[in-house]
C-alpha cells in the first residue's frame, strides 16, 4: 500500500527544536555536521540488520528499510545541493519528489545490506563535503523550487534535522 505523501513544510525546524525527535537547530553549524553524520552511520547499519527491516509497522509508515533508502538519497541530493551552493551564487534547486523517488527506487524491495553500504558511502561523501565548508561559505544561498531559501548554515540545520528525525523514527 502506498504511503500518503508528506506535504508538510518542515522549514519551521530552523526556528525551534523539533518536539518529536528533540533536534535543536541552534546546536548545528556546517562544521558540526560531519561528526554527527559519521557517528550516526553505525546506528543506521544496525537498524538495517533487523529481521523485520523491510516490514512496515502499519499502512501509513515506511519500513526501516524504506527510511534508510530515503536517507541514502537525502545524503546524495543534499551533497549535490551543497556543492551547487558553494559553486554558484544564489543556487537554484530542482524539485525533488521524495514520494516518487521511493516508488521509482523501489525502496521496499531493496536489499538491506546493499542499502547499508550505499548509506555509508553517501553519508561519508556528504560528511566530507561539509568538512570542506569554511565559515566564509556559511552565508552563501540556495533556493528550492517551492521558494524556500537557505544559507549554507540553515541548509546544514535543515539537512541534519531530516537525518536525525528519521533515525529517531526507526531507532526510537
Protein backbone atom coordinates (compact mmCIF):
# COMPACT_ATOMS: atom_id res chain seq x y z
CA UNK A 1 0.00 0.00 0.00
CA UNK A 2 1.44 3.41 -0.93
CA UNK A 3 2.24 5.89 1.81
CA UNK A 4 0.26 9.14 1.83
CA UNK A 5 2.69 11.83 0.63
CA UNK A 6 4.16 14.13 3.28
CA UNK A 7 3.36 17.65 2.15
CA UNK A 8 4.36 19.44 5.37
CA UNK A 9 6.72 22.37 5.19
CA UNK A 10 9.45 21.27 7.59
CA UNK A 11 11.39 24.57 7.39
CA UNK A 12 9.84 25.55 10.74
CA UNK A 13 12.51 23.37 12.35
CA UNK A 14 15.01 26.14 11.62
CA UNK A 15 13.42 28.35 14.26
CA UNK A 16 12.72 25.95 17.15
CA UNK A 17 13.53 22.47 18.40
CA UNK A 18 11.57 19.55 16.97
CA UNK A 19 9.17 18.25 19.63
CA UNK A 20 9.23 14.74 18.13
CA UNK A 21 12.96 13.99 17.83
CA UNK A 22 14.44 16.71 20.05
CA UNK A 23 16.62 18.19 17.29
CA UNK A 24 17.70 21.75 18.12
CA UNK A 25 18.88 23.76 15.10
CA UNK A 26 20.74 26.21 17.34
CA UNK A 27 23.30 23.49 18.08
CA UNK A 28 24.20 22.88 14.42
CA UNK A 29 26.68 24.55 12.09
CA UNK A 30 28.22 23.18 8.91
CA UNK A 31 31.32 22.30 10.95
CA UNK A 32 29.33 20.05 13.33
CA UNK A 33 27.59 18.09 10.56
CA UNK A 34 30.45 15.75 9.54
CA UNK A 35 30.97 14.27 13.00
CA UNK A 36 27.25 13.88 13.60
CA UNK A 37 26.75 12.06 10.30
CA UNK A 38 29.72 9.75 10.80
CA UNK A 39 28.54 8.92 14.33
CA UNK A 40 25.08 8.00 13.03
CA UNK A 41 26.17 5.61 10.30
CA UNK A 42 26.74 2.59 12.61
CA UNK A 43 23.24 3.08 14.04
CA UNK A 44 21.76 3.03 10.53
CA UNK A 45 23.71 -0.13 9.75
CA UNK A 46 22.40 -1.73 12.96
CA UNK A 47 18.74 -1.00 12.21
CA UNK A 48 19.15 -2.44 8.73
CA UNK A 49 20.33 -5.74 10.25
CA UNK A 50 16.95 -6.24 11.92
CA UNK A 51 14.99 -9.20 10.61
CA UNK A 52 11.92 -7.00 10.18
CA UNK A 53 13.75 -4.13 8.43
CA UNK A 54 11.56 -4.47 5.32
CA UNK A 55 8.28 -4.73 7.25
CA UNK A 56 6.10 -1.67 7.61
CA UNK A 57 4.79 -1.22 11.16
CA UNK A 58 1.42 -0.10 9.74
CA UNK A 59 -0.16 1.02 6.48
CA UNK A 60 0.87 4.66 6.80
CA UNK A 61 4.50 4.33 7.96
CA UNK A 62 7.60 3.41 5.98
CA UNK A 63 9.64 0.39 6.99
CA UNK A 64 13.12 0.85 8.42
CA UNK A 65 14.46 -0.17 5.00
CA UNK A 66 12.39 2.48 3.22
CA UNK A 67 13.55 5.16 5.68
CA UNK A 68 17.16 4.08 5.13
CA UNK A 69 16.74 4.30 1.34
CA UNK A 70 15.26 7.76 1.75
CA UNK A 71 18.14 8.91 3.96
CA UNK A 72 20.66 7.47 1.49
CA UNK A 73 19.01 9.55 -1.24
CA UNK A 74 18.85 12.61 1.04
CA UNK A 75 22.61 12.28 1.58
CA UNK A 76 23.17 12.21 -2.18
CA UNK A 77 20.72 15.01 -3.03
CA UNK A 78 21.89 17.35 -0.28
CA UNK A 79 25.52 16.72 -1.21
CA UNK A 80 24.72 17.83 -4.76
CA UNK A 81 22.82 20.86 -3.48
CA UNK A 82 25.55 21.84 -1.03
CA UNK A 83 28.16 21.70 -3.77
CA UNK A 84 25.87 23.74 -6.04
CA UNK A 85 25.52 26.39 -3.31
CA UNK A 86 29.30 26.54 -2.96
CA UNK A 87 29.88 26.79 -6.72
CA UNK A 88 27.09 29.15 -7.82
CA UNK A 89 25.74 32.41 -6.49
CA UNK A 90 22.11 32.04 -5.38
CA UNK A 91 21.88 28.41 -6.48
CA UNK A 92 18.51 27.07 -7.60
CA UNK A 93 17.46 23.53 -6.71
CA UNK A 94 15.37 21.35 -8.98
CA UNK A 95 12.22 19.91 -7.45
CA UNK A 96 12.61 16.53 -5.75
CA UNK A 97 9.53 14.43 -5.15
CA UNK A 98 10.62 12.16 -2.32
CA UNK A 99 7.50 10.02 -2.57
CA UNK A 100 8.03 9.41 -6.29
CA UNK A 101 11.69 8.66 -5.58
CA UNK A 102 10.55 5.93 -3.17
CA UNK A 103 8.34 4.40 -5.85
CA UNK A 104 10.89 4.72 -8.65
CA UNK A 105 13.68 3.43 -6.43
CA UNK A 106 11.57 0.51 -5.20
CA UNK A 107 12.64 1.24 -1.64
CA UNK A 108 10.53 -1.54 -0.15
CA UNK A 109 12.25 -4.29 -2.10
CA UNK A 110 15.85 -3.11 -1.78
CA UNK A 111 18.49 -5.35 -0.22
CA UNK A 112 19.21 -4.11 3.33
CA UNK A 113 22.94 -4.98 3.16
CA UNK A 114 23.34 -3.12 -0.11
CA UNK A 115 21.44 -0.14 1.28
CA UNK A 116 23.66 -0.15 4.40
CA UNK A 117 26.76 0.01 2.20
CA UNK A 118 25.26 2.74 -0.01
CA UNK A 119 24.11 4.71 3.04
CA UNK A 120 27.62 4.58 4.47
CA UNK A 121 29.16 5.65 1.18
CA UNK A 122 26.74 8.55 0.64
CA UNK A 123 26.96 9.58 4.31
CA UNK A 124 30.74 9.63 4.20
CA UNK A 125 30.53 11.66 1.00
CA UNK A 126 28.32 14.40 2.39
CA UNK A 127 30.30 14.46 5.64
CA UNK A 128 33.39 15.14 3.53
CA UNK A 129 31.63 17.90 1.62
CA UNK A 130 30.53 19.63 4.82
CA UNK A 131 34.06 19.23 6.23
CA UNK A 132 35.35 21.37 3.34
CA UNK A 133 32.90 24.24 4.05
CA UNK A 134 34.60 27.30 5.52
CA UNK A 135 32.93 29.82 7.76
CA UNK A 136 33.13 32.33 4.88
CA UNK A 137 30.82 29.97 2.92
CA UNK A 138 28.04 29.96 5.54
CA UNK A 139 26.11 32.93 4.07
CA UNK A 140 26.04 31.51 0.50
CA UNK A 141 22.46 30.90 -0.65
CA UNK A 142 20.29 28.40 -2.43
CA UNK A 143 16.57 28.27 -3.15
CA UNK A 144 14.26 25.29 -3.53
CA UNK A 145 11.70 25.10 -6.32
CA UNK A 146 8.95 25.98 -3.80
CA UNK A 147 10.70 29.26 -2.94
CA UNK A 148 12.23 28.19 0.39
CA UNK A 149 15.58 29.94 0.66
CA UNK A 150 18.58 28.73 2.66
CA UNK A 151 22.05 29.82 3.55
CA UNK A 152 24.70 27.13 3.88
CA UNK A 153 24.21 27.50 7.66
CA UNK A 154 20.43 26.97 7.60
CA UNK A 155 20.81 24.33 4.90
CA UNK A 156 23.07 22.33 7.24
CA UNK A 157 20.45 22.59 10.00
CA UNK A 158 17.56 21.61 7.75
CA UNK A 159 19.52 18.69 6.31
CA UNK A 160 20.67 17.36 9.66
CA UNK A 161 17.17 17.52 11.11
CA UNK A 162 15.91 15.26 8.32
CA UNK A 163 18.56 12.64 9.07
CA UNK A 164 18.24 12.88 12.87
CA UNK A 165 14.46 12.74 12.69
CA UNK A 166 14.39 9.62 10.53
CA UNK A 167 16.90 7.83 12.73
CA UNK A 168 14.61 8.69 15.64
CA UNK A 169 11.71 7.23 13.62
CA UNK A 170 13.42 3.85 13.26
CA UNK A 171 15.65 3.74 16.34
CA UNK A 172 13.22 5.06 18.94
